[in-house]
Amino acid sequence: MTKRLESKYKINRRLGVNLWGRAKSPINKRETIPGQHGARRKQKPTDFGVQLMAKQKLKGYYGNIGEKQFRKYYEEAVRRKGDTSENLIELLERRLDAVIYRMKLALTPFAARQFVNHGHVLINGKRLNIPSYQVRDTDTIEVKERSKQLTCVLDAAQNGERDVPEYIEVDHRAMRGRFLRAPKLSDVPYPVQMEPNLVVEFYSR
């Protein structure tokens, strides 16, 4: 199992961006990357470095997905008809933990993954605890009845840092929603610029 216990905000500093657009991110105050010599290590990246950074940003945004799993998403995106970059974004946005995050039922992608892992989520009335589950169009996603009053859920639903995108509908009173359609890159409310085309270039070298 890959190590994912590093601070999510350390990811922000390493990449030099506020990945999730959160006010608490230390990147808002200090833009250097972690480490004693972080302030000195800025230099013009190579083409490979730019592609690698694009990949790390996209992986990091979705809760620091492991390399093996992320490459599988790329391979599936290539296999499908249409634009590989758009296919990759669709696969990532259909992850159950990503949908929970988009529905504002968790404050971060990390919290959304944990929420799913702990069995708090129902898909079409059935409990599902697989964060990577691919949600389908018109699937109903609901918080389990006993979990609807959890402080973490209520806080996330009331948080004003993000809006629910148009390809998802949600009723926060019922803690229930639906995945309406596959999003395009332009539909996804990333706080920073994502460049899946560079991720495709990275893997197709």
Protein backbone atom coordinates (compact mmCIF):
# COMPACT_ATOMS: atom_id res chain seq x y z
CA MET A 1 0.00 0.00 0.00
CA THR A 2 1.35 3.43 -0.91
CA LYS A 3 1.94 5.97 1.83
CA ARG A 4 -0.76 8.65 1.84
CA LEU A 5 -0.40 9.94 5.36
CA GLU A 6 1.66 12.99 4.41
CA SER A 7 0.00 16.31 5.11
CA LYS A 8 -2.36 17.38 2.34
CA TYR A 9 -1.07 20.91 2.76
CA LYS A 10 2.49 19.69 2.20
CA ILE A 11 1.26 18.60 -1.24
CA ASN A 12 0.17 22.21 -1.84
CA ARG A 13 3.59 23.53 -0.90
CA ARG A 14 5.46 20.91 -2.92
CA LEU A 15 3.43 21.74 -6.03
CA GLY A 16 3.38 25.47 -5.31
CA VAL A 17 -0.40 25.83 -5.72
CA ASN A 18 -3.49 25.91 -3.51
CA LEU A 19 -4.93 22.70 -5.00
CA TRP A 20 -8.31 22.79 -3.27
CA GLY A 21 -8.70 26.56 -2.96
CA ARG A 22 -8.89 26.41 0.83
CA ALA A 23 -8.33 29.48 2.97
CA LYS A 24 -6.34 27.39 5.48
CA SER A 25 -3.66 26.38 2.97
CA PRO A 26 -0.18 27.60 4.02
CA ILE A 27 0.60 28.32 0.35
CA ASN A 28 -1.48 31.48 0.83
CA LYS A 29 1.24 32.79 3.16
CA ARG A 30 4.36 30.92 2.07
CA GLU A 31 4.90 29.87 -1.52
CA THR A 32 8.19 28.00 -1.10
CA ILE A 33 8.26 24.22 -1.37
CA PRO A 34 8.95 22.17 1.81
CA GLY A 35 12.48 21.65 3.06
CA GLN A 36 15.38 23.67 4.39
CA HIS A 37 16.39 24.90 0.93
CA GLY A 38 12.93 25.22 -0.55
CA ALA A 39 13.29 28.92 -1.30
CA ARG A 40 16.38 28.28 -3.44
CA ARG A 41 15.10 25.36 -5.49
CA LYS A 42 12.94 27.24 -7.99
CA GLN A 43 14.23 26.87 -11.54
CA LYS A 44 12.74 26.73 -15.00
CA PRO A 45 11.26 23.24 -15.48
CA THR A 46 11.95 21.04 -18.49
CA ASP A 47 9.12 19.76 -20.72
CA PHE A 48 9.25 16.53 -18.72
CA GLY A 49 9.06 18.54 -15.49
CA VAL A 50 6.01 20.46 -16.71
CA GLN A 51 4.25 17.20 -17.66
CA LEU A 52 5.19 15.58 -14.35
CA MET A 53 3.85 18.59 -12.42
CA ALA A 54 0.54 18.39 -14.32
CA LYS A 55 0.26 14.71 -13.40
CA GLN A 56 1.12 15.33 -9.74
CA LYS A 57 -1.46 18.12 -9.52
CA LEU A 58 -4.24 15.96 -10.92
CA LYS A 59 -3.29 12.95 -8.77
CA GLY A 60 -2.98 15.13 -5.70
CA TYR A 61 -6.29 16.89 -6.23
CA TYR A 62 -8.21 13.61 -6.05
CA GLY A 63 -6.69 12.66 -2.70
CA ASN A 64 -3.22 11.69 -3.89
CA ILE A 65 -4.28 8.64 -5.91
CA GLY A 66 -1.60 5.96 -6.14
CA GLU A 67 0.48 5.79 -9.33
CA LYS A 68 -0.66 2.30 -10.31
CA GLN A 69 -4.34 3.21 -10.08
CA PHE A 70 -3.84 6.57 -11.78
CA ARG A 71 -2.08 4.93 -14.72
CA LYS A 72 -5.04 2.56 -15.06
CA TYR A 73 -7.31 5.59 -15.43
CA TYR A 74 -5.05 6.85 -18.22
CA GLU A 75 -5.10 3.47 -19.98
CA GLU A 76 -8.90 3.31 -19.76
CA ALA A 77 -9.14 6.89 -21.07
CA VAL A 78 -7.00 5.91 -24.08
CA ARG A 79 -9.10 2.80 -24.72
CA ARG A 80 -12.35 4.80 -24.86
CA LYS A 81 -13.52 6.70 -27.93
CA GLY A 82 -13.15 10.47 -27.95
CA ASP A 83 -10.65 12.88 -26.45
CA THR A 84 -8.31 11.11 -24.03
CA SER A 85 -7.94 14.20 -21.82
CA GLU A 86 -11.72 14.57 -21.44
CA ASN A 87 -12.10 10.83 -20.83
CA LEU A 88 -9.52 11.00 -18.04
CA ILE A 89 -11.33 13.84 -16.29
CA GLU A 90 -14.66 11.99 -16.59
CA LEU A 91 -13.20 8.84 -15.00
CA LEU A 92 -11.79 10.84 -12.09
CA GLU A 93 -15.01 12.80 -11.56
CA ARG A 94 -17.07 9.60 -11.54
CA ARG A 95 -15.13 8.25 -8.54
CA LEU A 96 -17.52 7.92 -5.62
CA ASP A 97 -15.26 9.85 -3.25
CA ALA A 98 -14.99 12.66 -5.84
CA VAL A 99 -18.79 12.78 -6.14
CA ILE A 100 -19.16 12.96 -2.35
CA TYR A 101 -16.69 15.86 -2.36
CA ARG A 102 -18.53 17.60 -5.20
CA MET A 103 -21.84 17.19 -3.33
CA LYS A 104 -20.30 19.07 -0.39
CA LEU A 105 -20.74 16.11 1.96
CA ALA A 106 -17.05 16.23 2.90
CA LEU A 107 -14.64 19.14 3.29
CA THR A 108 -11.74 17.57 1.37
CA PRO A 109 -11.17 14.67 -1.05
CA PHE A 110 -9.27 12.93 1.76
CA ALA A 111 -12.27 13.28 4.09
CA ALA A 112 -14.58 12.06 1.29
CA ARG A 113 -12.49 8.92 0.80
CA GLN A 114 -12.56 8.18 4.53
CA PHE A 115 -16.31 8.85 4.67
CA VAL A 116 -16.92 6.28 1.92
CA ASN A 117 -14.48 3.79 3.45
CA HIS A 118 -16.35 3.91 6.74
CA GLY A 119 -19.62 2.87 5.10
CA HIS A 120 -21.60 6.11 5.43
CA VAL A 121 -22.76 6.19 1.79
CA LEU A 122 -25.60 4.51 -0.11
CA ILE A 123 -25.72 4.14 -3.89
CA ASN A 124 -29.26 3.51 -5.17
CA GLY A 125 -30.20 2.44 -1.63
CA LYS A 126 -27.30 0.00 -1.14
CA ARG A 127 -24.29 0.62 1.10
CA LEU A 128 -21.04 0.96 -0.81
CA ASN A 129 -17.60 1.50 0.73
CA ILE A 130 -15.38 1.60 -2.37
CA PRO A 131 -14.04 5.15 -2.98
CA SER A 132 -12.98 4.33 -6.55
CA TYR A 133 -16.45 3.04 -7.55
CA GLN A 134 -17.48 4.60 -10.87
CA VAL A 135 -20.78 6.41 -10.37
CA ARG A 136 -23.13 6.15 -13.36
CA ASP A 137 -25.53 8.70 -14.84
CA THR A 138 -28.72 9.06 -12.74
CA ASP A 139 -27.25 7.08 -9.80
CA THR A 140 -28.69 8.26 -6.48
CA ILE A 141 -26.09 8.97 -3.81
CA GLU A 142 -27.25 9.33 -0.21
CA VAL A 143 -25.76 9.57 3.25
CA LYS A 144 -26.83 6.67 5.48
CA GLU A 145 -29.65 7.72 7.84
CA ARG A 146 -27.60 7.29 11.01
CA SER A 147 -24.80 9.42 9.54
CA LYS A 148 -26.83 12.42 8.35
CA GLN A 149 -26.32 14.39 11.56
CA LEU A 150 -22.56 13.86 11.79
CA THR A 151 -20.79 17.15 12.47
CA CYS A 152 -18.36 16.61 9.59
CA VAL A 153 -21.25 16.24 7.11
CA LEU A 154 -23.18 19.25 8.40
CA ASP A 155 -20.05 21.41 8.39
CA ALA A 156 -19.21 20.40 4.82
CA ALA A 157 -22.75 21.06 3.55
CA GLN A 158 -22.73 24.56 5.06
CA ASN A 159 -19.23 25.44 3.91
CA GLY A 160 -19.18 28.40 1.54
CA GLU A 161 -15.81 27.75 -0.11
CA ARG A 162 -17.29 25.68 -2.95
CA ASP A 163 -20.46 25.37 -5.03
CA VAL A 164 -22.02 22.14 -6.30
CA PRO A 165 -21.35 21.83 -10.07
CA GLU A 166 -24.17 21.60 -12.61
CA TYR A 167 -23.61 17.92 -13.45
CA ILE A 168 -24.62 16.94 -9.92
CA GLU A 169 -27.82 17.76 -8.04
CA VAL A 170 -28.05 17.60 -4.27
CA ASP A 171 -30.60 18.21 -1.52
CA HIS A 172 -28.66 18.98 1.64
CA ARG A 173 -31.76 18.70 3.81
CA ALA A 174 -32.17 15.08 2.75
CA MET A 175 -28.39 14.55 2.29
CA ARG A 176 -29.17 12.98 -1.06
CA GLY A 177 -28.28 13.72 -4.67
CA ARG A 178 -27.89 12.40 -8.21
CA PHE A 179 -25.09 12.26 -10.73
CA LEU A 180 -26.73 13.78 -13.80
CA ARG A 181 -24.17 13.48 -16.58
CA ALA A 182 -20.53 13.16 -17.48
CA PRO A 183 -18.70 16.47 -17.06
CA LYS A 184 -16.34 18.11 -19.52
CA LEU A 185 -13.07 19.61 -18.32
CA SER A 186 -14.63 23.07 -18.61
CA ASP A 187 -17.49 22.01 -16.28
CA VAL A 188 -15.26 20.95 -13.40
CA PRO A 189 -14.70 23.70 -10.79
CA TYR A 190 -10.97 23.26 -10.22
CA PRO A 191 -9.49 26.10 -8.12
CA VAL A 192 -6.27 25.83 -10.16
CA GLN A 193 -5.63 25.16 -13.84
CA MET A 194 -5.57 21.45 -14.62
CA GLU A 195 -3.86 20.27 -17.80
CA PRO A 196 -4.86 16.67 -18.51
CA ASN A 197 -3.41 17.04 -22.02
CA LEU A 198 0.03 17.24 -20.41
CA VAL A 199 -0.76 14.15 -18.33
CA VAL A 200 -1.57 12.31 -21.56
CA GLU A 201 1.73 13.53 -23.04
CA PHE A 202 3.57 12.31 -19.93
CA TYR A 203 2.25 8.76 -20.21
CA SER A 204 2.53 8.56 -24.00
CA ARG A 205 6.24 9.38 -24.08
